[in-house]
């Protein structure tokens, strides 16, 4: 994807990425983490500000640094890098609140045409997943890298 994004720093397993958001509220450290779940081959995408106290993800804080598109593009960049090292898995994502889940849907919609070339995208309704459709509400999202 040729979209402006922040530089990512990854640890060796390519499951944890960090970057710095730059905006009117200053420099805000962010973390994108792909966490194993209890379902084989499925990872959870966790994302948020890096807590200055614990060094862990705070996914409830609203940093509002006026760079949401660039931040989302950076998270998608982490997704590409993760799948480069872990190509045969699924990634599940949902927001920590309904409002954040809605923001994720809006972000996926914004980058849909680029993402749909490389990923199979699914939306969660109840306990089931369906092929992602634009302008439809979902409780969560499942992503799989397409194989060429």
N, C-alpha and C. Protein backbone atom coordinates (compact mmCIF):
# COMPACT_ATOMS: atom_id res chain seq x y z
N UNK A 1 0.85 -1.19 0.00
CA UNK A 1 0.00 0.00 0.00
C UNK A 1 0.88 1.24 0.00
N UNK A 2 0.67 2.11 -0.93
CA UNK A 2 1.44 3.35 -1.01
C UNK A 2 0.68 4.49 -0.35
N UNK A 3 0.52 4.38 0.96
CA UNK A 3 -0.18 5.39 1.75
C UNK A 3 0.78 5.85 2.84
N UNK A 4 0.76 7.13 3.14
CA UNK A 4 1.64 7.68 4.17
C UNK A 4 1.40 6.99 5.50
N UNK A 5 2.47 6.44 6.09
CA UNK A 5 2.36 5.77 7.38
C UNK A 5 3.63 6.02 8.18
N UNK A 6 3.55 5.72 9.47
CA UNK A 6 4.70 5.88 10.35
C UNK A 6 5.65 4.70 10.21
N UNK A 7 6.92 4.94 10.56
CA UNK A 7 7.91 3.86 10.58
C UNK A 7 7.60 2.91 11.73
N UNK A 8 7.65 1.62 11.43
CA UNK A 8 7.37 0.58 12.42
C UNK A 8 8.67 -0.02 12.93
N UNK A 9 8.68 -0.34 14.21
CA UNK A 9 9.78 -1.09 14.81
C UNK A 9 9.18 -2.41 15.28
N UNK A 10 9.72 -3.53 14.79
CA UNK A 10 9.18 -4.85 15.13
C UNK A 10 10.17 -5.63 15.98
N UNK A 11 9.63 -6.49 16.86
CA UNK A 11 10.52 -7.40 17.56
C UNK A 11 10.73 -8.62 16.67
N UNK A 12 11.60 -9.53 17.06
CA UNK A 12 12.07 -10.59 16.16
C UNK A 12 10.99 -11.54 15.66
N UNK A 13 9.93 -11.79 16.40
CA UNK A 13 8.89 -12.71 15.94
C UNK A 13 7.84 -12.02 15.08
N UNK A 14 7.98 -10.72 14.93
CA UNK A 14 7.03 -9.92 14.14
C UNK A 14 5.59 -10.08 14.66
N UNK A 15 5.45 -10.14 15.99
CA UNK A 15 4.12 -10.15 16.59
C UNK A 15 3.86 -8.87 17.37
N UNK A 16 4.90 -8.10 17.65
CA UNK A 16 4.73 -6.83 18.35
C UNK A 16 5.45 -5.73 17.57
N UNK A 17 4.72 -4.66 17.31
CA UNK A 17 5.24 -3.52 16.55
C UNK A 17 5.01 -2.25 17.35
N UNK A 18 5.93 -1.31 17.25
CA UNK A 18 5.76 -0.02 17.89
C UNK A 18 6.01 1.09 16.87
N UNK A 19 5.33 2.22 17.09
CA UNK A 19 5.56 3.41 16.29
C UNK A 19 5.16 4.63 17.11
N UNK A 20 5.49 5.80 16.58
CA UNK A 20 5.20 7.05 17.28
C UNK A 20 4.23 7.87 16.45
N UNK A 21 3.09 8.20 17.04
CA UNK A 21 2.12 9.11 16.43
C UNK A 21 2.60 10.53 16.67
N UNK A 22 2.56 11.36 15.63
CA UNK A 22 3.00 12.75 15.73
C UNK A 22 1.84 13.67 15.38
N UNK A 23 1.52 14.59 16.27
CA UNK A 23 0.41 15.50 16.01
C UNK A 23 0.36 16.62 17.03
N UNK A 24 -0.78 17.33 17.07
CA UNK A 24 -0.92 18.48 17.97
C UNK A 24 -0.77 18.13 19.45
N UNK A 25 -1.00 16.88 19.80
CA UNK A 25 -0.86 16.47 21.19
C UNK A 25 0.51 15.90 21.49
N UNK A 26 1.43 16.05 20.54
CA UNK A 26 2.81 15.62 20.76
C UNK A 26 3.12 14.27 20.16
N UNK A 27 4.15 13.65 20.70
CA UNK A 27 4.61 12.34 20.24
C UNK A 27 3.99 11.29 21.16
N UNK A 28 3.20 10.39 20.58
CA UNK A 28 2.47 9.40 21.37
C UNK A 28 2.89 8.01 20.91
N UNK A 29 3.57 7.24 21.78
CA UNK A 29 3.97 5.88 21.42
C UNK A 29 2.75 4.97 21.28
N UNK A 30 2.76 4.14 20.25
CA UNK A 30 1.66 3.20 19.97
C UNK A 30 2.23 1.79 19.85
N UNK A 31 1.37 0.81 20.13
CA UNK A 31 1.75 -0.60 20.01
C UNK A 31 0.68 -1.32 19.20
N UNK A 32 1.13 -2.18 18.29
CA UNK A 32 0.28 -3.12 17.57
C UNK A 32 0.80 -4.50 17.94
N UNK A 33 -0.07 -5.33 18.48
CA UNK A 33 0.37 -6.65 18.91
C UNK A 33 -0.57 -7.73 18.39
N UNK A 34 0.01 -8.79 17.86
CA UNK A 34 -0.75 -9.94 17.38
C UNK A 34 -0.60 -11.03 18.43
N UNK A 35 -1.70 -11.34 19.11
CA UNK A 35 -1.68 -12.25 20.24
C UNK A 35 -2.33 -13.57 19.87
N UNK A 36 -1.68 -14.68 20.24
CA UNK A 36 -2.28 -16.00 20.02
C UNK A 36 -3.59 -16.08 20.79
N UNK A 37 -4.55 -16.77 20.22
CA UNK A 37 -5.82 -17.01 20.90
C UNK A 37 -5.92 -18.50 21.24
N UNK A 38 -7.03 -18.88 21.85
CA UNK A 38 -7.22 -20.30 22.16
C UNK A 38 -7.67 -21.10 20.95
N UNK A 39 -7.82 -20.45 19.82
CA UNK A 39 -8.17 -21.14 18.56
C UNK A 39 -6.91 -21.24 17.71
N UNK A 40 -6.56 -22.45 17.34
CA UNK A 40 -5.35 -22.69 16.54
C UNK A 40 -5.39 -21.87 15.25
N UNK A 41 -4.29 -21.18 14.96
CA UNK A 41 -4.19 -20.44 13.72
C UNK A 41 -4.92 -19.11 13.70
N UNK A 42 -5.41 -18.65 14.86
CA UNK A 42 -6.10 -17.37 14.93
C UNK A 42 -5.37 -16.47 15.94
N UNK A 43 -5.04 -15.27 15.49
CA UNK A 43 -4.41 -14.26 16.34
C UNK A 43 -5.37 -13.10 16.55
N UNK A 44 -5.29 -12.48 17.69
CA UNK A 44 -6.04 -11.27 18.00
C UNK A 44 -5.16 -10.07 17.74
N UNK A 45 -5.68 -9.07 17.06
CA UNK A 45 -4.95 -7.83 16.84
C UNK A 45 -5.29 -6.88 17.99
N UNK A 46 -4.30 -6.56 18.79
CA UNK A 46 -4.46 -5.60 19.89
C UNK A 46 -3.72 -4.33 19.48
N UNK A 47 -4.33 -3.19 19.76
CA UNK A 47 -3.74 -1.92 19.34
C UNK A 47 -4.12 -0.83 20.33
N UNK A 48 -3.18 0.06 20.59
CA UNK A 48 -3.46 1.21 21.44
C UNK A 48 -2.21 1.99 21.77
N UNK A 49 -2.38 2.95 22.66
CA UNK A 49 -1.24 3.74 23.13
C UNK A 49 -0.38 2.88 24.05
N UNK A 50 0.92 3.14 24.05
CA UNK A 50 1.83 2.45 24.96
C UNK A 50 1.80 3.20 26.29
N UNK A 51 1.41 2.50 27.34
CA UNK A 51 1.33 3.11 28.67
C UNK A 51 2.73 3.48 29.15
N UNK A 52 2.91 4.73 29.58
CA UNK A 52 4.21 5.16 30.09
C UNK A 52 4.52 4.50 31.44
N UNK A 53 3.49 4.03 32.13
CA UNK A 53 3.69 3.39 33.43
C UNK A 53 4.02 1.90 33.31
N UNK A 54 3.33 1.18 32.43
CA UNK A 54 3.50 -0.27 32.35
C UNK A 54 4.22 -0.73 31.09
N UNK A 55 4.26 0.11 30.06
CA UNK A 55 4.83 -0.30 28.78
C UNK A 55 3.89 -1.18 27.98
N UNK A 56 2.70 -1.39 28.48
CA UNK A 56 1.72 -2.25 27.81
C UNK A 56 0.71 -1.40 27.04
N UNK A 57 -0.15 -2.08 26.28
CA UNK A 57 -1.15 -1.41 25.46
C UNK A 57 -2.28 -0.88 26.33
N UNK A 58 -2.64 0.39 26.12
CA UNK A 58 -3.84 0.98 26.71
C UNK A 58 -4.80 1.19 25.56
N UNK A 59 -5.80 0.32 25.45
CA UNK A 59 -6.71 0.40 24.30
C UNK A 59 -7.99 1.17 24.62
N UNK A 60 -8.00 1.85 25.75
CA UNK A 60 -9.17 2.65 26.10
C UNK A 60 -8.92 4.15 26.00
N UNK A 61 -7.68 4.56 26.00
CA UNK A 61 -7.36 5.98 25.94
C UNK A 61 -7.70 6.54 24.55
N UNK A 62 -8.14 7.77 24.53
CA UNK A 62 -8.43 8.45 23.26
C UNK A 62 -7.37 9.54 23.10
N UNK A 63 -6.37 9.29 22.26
CA UNK A 63 -5.27 10.25 22.12
C UNK A 63 -5.62 11.39 21.19
N UNK A 64 -6.46 11.16 20.18
CA UNK A 64 -6.97 12.21 19.30
C UNK A 64 -5.86 13.15 18.84
N UNK A 65 -4.85 12.57 18.17
CA UNK A 65 -3.68 13.33 17.75
C UNK A 65 -3.79 13.82 16.31
N UNK A 66 -5.00 13.82 15.78
CA UNK A 66 -5.30 14.37 14.45
C UNK A 66 -4.52 13.69 13.33
N UNK A 67 -4.27 12.36 13.49
CA UNK A 67 -3.54 11.61 12.47
C UNK A 67 -4.13 10.22 12.29
N UNK A 68 -5.44 10.10 12.46
CA UNK A 68 -6.07 8.78 12.49
C UNK A 68 -5.86 7.99 11.19
N UNK A 69 -5.89 8.64 10.04
CA UNK A 69 -5.69 7.92 8.78
C UNK A 69 -4.27 7.36 8.70
N UNK A 70 -3.29 8.16 9.11
CA UNK A 70 -1.90 7.70 9.07
C UNK A 70 -1.68 6.59 10.09
N UNK A 71 -2.32 6.68 11.25
CA UNK A 71 -2.21 5.64 12.27
C UNK A 71 -2.81 4.34 11.74
N UNK A 72 -4.00 4.42 11.15
CA UNK A 72 -4.65 3.23 10.62
C UNK A 72 -3.81 2.61 9.49
N UNK A 73 -3.26 3.44 8.62
CA UNK A 73 -2.40 2.93 7.56
C UNK A 73 -1.17 2.23 8.15
N UNK A 74 -0.67 2.71 9.27
CA UNK A 74 0.47 2.09 9.94
C UNK A 74 0.08 0.73 10.53
N UNK A 75 -1.11 0.65 11.12
CA UNK A 75 -1.60 -0.62 11.65
C UNK A 75 -1.74 -1.63 10.51
N UNK A 76 -2.25 -1.19 9.37
CA UNK A 76 -2.37 -2.07 8.21
C UNK A 76 -0.98 -2.49 7.73
N UNK A 77 -0.02 -1.58 7.79
CA UNK A 77 1.36 -1.92 7.46
C UNK A 77 1.90 -3.02 8.37
N UNK A 78 1.55 -2.94 9.66
CA UNK A 78 1.95 -3.99 10.61
C UNK A 78 1.29 -5.31 10.24
N UNK A 79 0.05 -5.25 9.79
CA UNK A 79 -0.67 -6.45 9.36
C UNK A 79 0.06 -7.13 8.19
N UNK A 80 0.48 -6.34 7.21
CA UNK A 80 1.24 -6.89 6.09
C UNK A 80 2.53 -7.55 6.59
N UNK A 81 3.25 -6.86 7.45
CA UNK A 81 4.52 -7.40 7.96
C UNK A 81 4.29 -8.68 8.77
N UNK A 82 3.24 -8.70 9.57
CA UNK A 82 2.91 -9.90 10.36
C UNK A 82 2.62 -11.07 9.42
N UNK A 83 1.79 -10.84 8.40
CA UNK A 83 1.45 -11.92 7.47
C UNK A 83 2.65 -12.37 6.64
N UNK A 84 3.62 -11.49 6.41
CA UNK A 84 4.83 -11.91 5.70
C UNK A 84 5.56 -13.00 6.48
N UNK A 85 5.53 -12.93 7.80
CA UNK A 85 6.20 -13.92 8.66
C UNK A 85 5.27 -15.05 9.09
N UNK A 86 3.97 -14.81 9.07
CA UNK A 86 2.97 -15.78 9.54
C UNK A 86 1.85 -15.87 8.49
N UNK A 87 2.14 -16.42 7.31
CA UNK A 87 1.19 -16.32 6.20
C UNK A 87 -0.06 -17.20 6.31
N UNK A 88 -0.05 -18.22 7.13
CA UNK A 88 -1.14 -19.20 7.11
C UNK A 88 -2.08 -19.08 8.30
N UNK A 89 -2.20 -17.90 8.85
CA UNK A 89 -3.07 -17.70 10.01
C UNK A 89 -4.17 -16.70 9.68
N UNK A 90 -5.10 -16.57 10.60
CA UNK A 90 -6.14 -15.55 10.53
C UNK A 90 -5.85 -14.53 11.62
N UNK A 91 -6.28 -13.30 11.38
CA UNK A 91 -6.19 -12.25 12.41
C UNK A 91 -7.60 -11.73 12.67
N UNK A 92 -7.95 -11.69 13.95
CA UNK A 92 -9.25 -11.19 14.39
C UNK A 92 -9.05 -9.83 15.04
N UNK A 93 -9.96 -8.91 14.77
CA UNK A 93 -9.88 -7.59 15.39
C UNK A 93 -11.28 -7.10 15.75
N UNK A 94 -11.38 -6.49 16.90
CA UNK A 94 -12.59 -5.80 17.31
C UNK A 94 -12.15 -4.65 18.21
N UNK A 95 -12.96 -3.64 18.32
CA UNK A 95 -12.61 -2.50 19.16
C UNK A 95 -12.88 -2.80 20.63
N UNK A 96 -12.21 -2.06 21.50
CA UNK A 96 -12.44 -2.21 22.94
C UNK A 96 -13.79 -1.62 23.35
N UNK A 97 -14.37 -0.84 22.45
CA UNK A 97 -15.71 -0.28 22.65
C UNK A 97 -16.45 -0.36 21.31
N UNK A 98 -17.76 -0.20 21.35
CA UNK A 98 -18.53 -0.20 20.11
C UNK A 98 -18.10 0.93 19.18
N UNK A 99 -17.78 2.09 19.77
CA UNK A 99 -17.34 3.23 18.95
C UNK A 99 -16.04 2.91 18.23
N UNK A 100 -15.13 2.21 18.90
CA UNK A 100 -13.86 1.86 18.24
C UNK A 100 -14.07 0.81 17.16
N UNK A 101 -14.97 -0.14 17.41
CA UNK A 101 -15.26 -1.13 16.38
C UNK A 101 -15.81 -0.43 15.14
N UNK A 102 -16.65 0.56 15.36
CA UNK A 102 -17.20 1.34 14.24
C UNK A 102 -16.07 2.08 13.51
N UNK A 103 -15.11 2.63 14.25
CA UNK A 103 -13.97 3.31 13.62
C UNK A 103 -13.14 2.33 12.80
N UNK A 104 -12.98 1.11 13.30
CA UNK A 104 -12.25 0.10 12.53
C UNK A 104 -12.98 -0.20 11.22
N UNK A 105 -14.32 -0.32 11.30
CA UNK A 105 -15.09 -0.58 10.09
C UNK A 105 -14.92 0.57 9.10
N UNK A 106 -14.97 1.79 9.59
CA UNK A 106 -14.79 2.95 8.72
C UNK A 106 -13.40 2.92 8.09
N UNK A 107 -12.40 2.55 8.88
CA UNK A 107 -11.03 2.46 8.36
C UNK A 107 -10.89 1.38 7.31
N UNK A 108 -11.47 0.20 7.57
CA UNK A 108 -11.42 -0.87 6.57
C UNK A 108 -12.12 -0.43 5.30
N UNK A 109 -13.24 0.25 5.46
CA UNK A 109 -13.98 0.75 4.30
C UNK A 109 -13.11 1.73 3.51
N UNK A 110 -12.40 2.60 4.22
CA UNK A 110 -11.56 3.61 3.57
C UNK A 110 -10.44 2.97 2.73
N UNK A 111 -9.85 1.89 3.29
CA UNK A 111 -8.75 1.23 2.61
C UNK A 111 -9.19 -0.07 1.91
N UNK A 112 -10.48 -0.25 1.76
CA UNK A 112 -11.03 -1.52 1.29
C UNK A 112 -10.45 -1.98 -0.05
N UNK A 113 -10.40 -1.11 -1.01
CA UNK A 113 -9.97 -1.52 -2.35
C UNK A 113 -8.52 -1.99 -2.35
N UNK A 114 -7.65 -1.33 -1.60
CA UNK A 114 -6.26 -1.78 -1.51
C UNK A 114 -6.16 -3.09 -0.74
N UNK A 115 -6.87 -3.17 0.41
CA UNK A 115 -6.78 -4.35 1.26
C UNK A 115 -7.39 -5.58 0.59
N UNK A 116 -8.49 -5.41 -0.13
CA UNK A 116 -9.18 -6.56 -0.71
C UNK A 116 -8.36 -7.22 -1.82
N UNK A 117 -7.36 -6.54 -2.34
CA UNK A 117 -6.47 -7.16 -3.32
C UNK A 117 -5.57 -8.20 -2.67
N UNK A 118 -5.22 -7.99 -1.41
CA UNK A 118 -4.25 -8.84 -0.72
C UNK A 118 -4.83 -9.70 0.39
N UNK A 119 -6.04 -9.35 0.86
CA UNK A 119 -6.61 -10.06 2.00
C UNK A 119 -8.04 -10.51 1.72
N UNK A 120 -8.40 -11.64 2.33
CA UNK A 120 -9.80 -12.03 2.44
C UNK A 120 -10.31 -11.35 3.70
N UNK A 121 -11.38 -10.58 3.59
CA UNK A 121 -11.92 -9.80 4.71
C UNK A 121 -13.31 -10.32 5.07
N UNK A 122 -13.52 -10.53 6.37
CA UNK A 122 -14.79 -11.03 6.86
C UNK A 122 -15.29 -10.15 8.00
N UNK A 123 -16.60 -10.03 8.11
CA UNK A 123 -17.21 -9.29 9.21
C UNK A 123 -17.99 -10.25 10.09
N UNK A 124 -17.98 -9.98 11.39
CA UNK A 124 -18.65 -10.84 12.35
C UNK A 124 -20.02 -10.29 12.70
N UNK A 125 -21.04 -11.15 12.57
CA UNK A 125 -22.39 -10.84 13.03
C UNK A 125 -22.78 -12.01 13.93
N UNK A 126 -23.01 -11.72 15.20
CA UNK A 126 -23.25 -12.80 16.16
C UNK A 126 -21.99 -13.63 16.27
N UNK A 127 -22.14 -14.95 16.14
CA UNK A 127 -20.98 -15.85 16.21
C UNK A 127 -20.48 -16.29 14.84
N UNK A 128 -21.02 -15.70 13.78
CA UNK A 128 -20.66 -16.12 12.43
C UNK A 128 -19.93 -15.01 11.68
N UNK A 129 -19.14 -15.44 10.69
CA UNK A 129 -18.39 -14.51 9.86
C UNK A 129 -18.90 -14.59 8.42
N UNK A 130 -18.99 -13.41 7.81
CA UNK A 130 -19.47 -13.28 6.44
C UNK A 130 -18.47 -12.46 5.65
N UNK A 131 -18.47 -12.64 4.35
CA UNK A 131 -17.61 -11.82 3.52
C UNK A 131 -17.92 -10.34 3.80
N UNK A 132 -16.88 -9.56 4.00
CA UNK A 132 -17.04 -8.15 4.37
C UNK A 132 -17.79 -7.40 3.27
N UNK A 133 -18.78 -6.62 3.68
CA UNK A 133 -19.52 -5.76 2.77
C UNK A 133 -19.41 -4.32 3.26
N UNK A 134 -19.26 -3.41 2.33
CA UNK A 134 -19.19 -2.00 2.67
C UNK A 134 -20.51 -1.55 3.30
N UNK A 135 -20.43 -0.59 4.22
CA UNK A 135 -21.59 0.04 4.86
C UNK A 135 -22.46 -0.93 5.65
N UNK A 136 -21.84 -1.92 6.24
CA UNK A 136 -22.57 -2.88 7.07
C UNK A 136 -21.90 -2.93 8.44
N UNK A 137 -22.71 -2.96 9.50
CA UNK A 137 -22.15 -3.00 10.85
C UNK A 137 -21.72 -4.41 11.22
N UNK A 138 -20.56 -4.51 11.87
CA UNK A 138 -20.03 -5.79 12.32
C UNK A 138 -19.54 -5.65 13.75
N UNK A 139 -19.54 -6.79 14.46
CA UNK A 139 -19.03 -6.82 15.83
C UNK A 139 -17.53 -7.04 15.87
N UNK A 140 -16.97 -7.56 14.80
CA UNK A 140 -15.54 -7.82 14.71
C UNK A 140 -15.17 -8.12 13.27
N UNK A 141 -13.89 -8.35 13.05
CA UNK A 141 -13.38 -8.54 11.69
C UNK A 141 -12.35 -9.66 11.69
N UNK A 142 -12.33 -10.44 10.63
CA UNK A 142 -11.38 -11.51 10.47
C UNK A 142 -10.67 -11.30 9.14
N UNK A 143 -9.36 -11.45 9.15
CA UNK A 143 -8.55 -11.18 7.96
C UNK A 143 -7.64 -12.38 7.70
N UNK A 144 -7.51 -12.72 6.43
CA UNK A 144 -6.62 -13.79 6.00
C UNK A 144 -5.87 -13.31 4.77
N UNK A 145 -4.60 -13.59 4.72
CA UNK A 145 -3.79 -13.20 3.56
C UNK A 145 -4.19 -14.06 2.37
N UNK A 146 -4.37 -13.45 1.21
CA UNK A 146 -4.63 -14.19 -0.01
C UNK A 146 -3.33 -14.79 -0.51
N UNK A 147 -3.44 -15.96 -1.11
CA UNK A 147 -2.28 -16.62 -1.69
C UNK A 147 -2.37 -16.54 -3.19
N UNK A 148 -1.30 -16.16 -3.80
CA UNK A 148 -1.29 -15.99 -5.27
C UNK A 148 -0.73 -17.20 -5.94
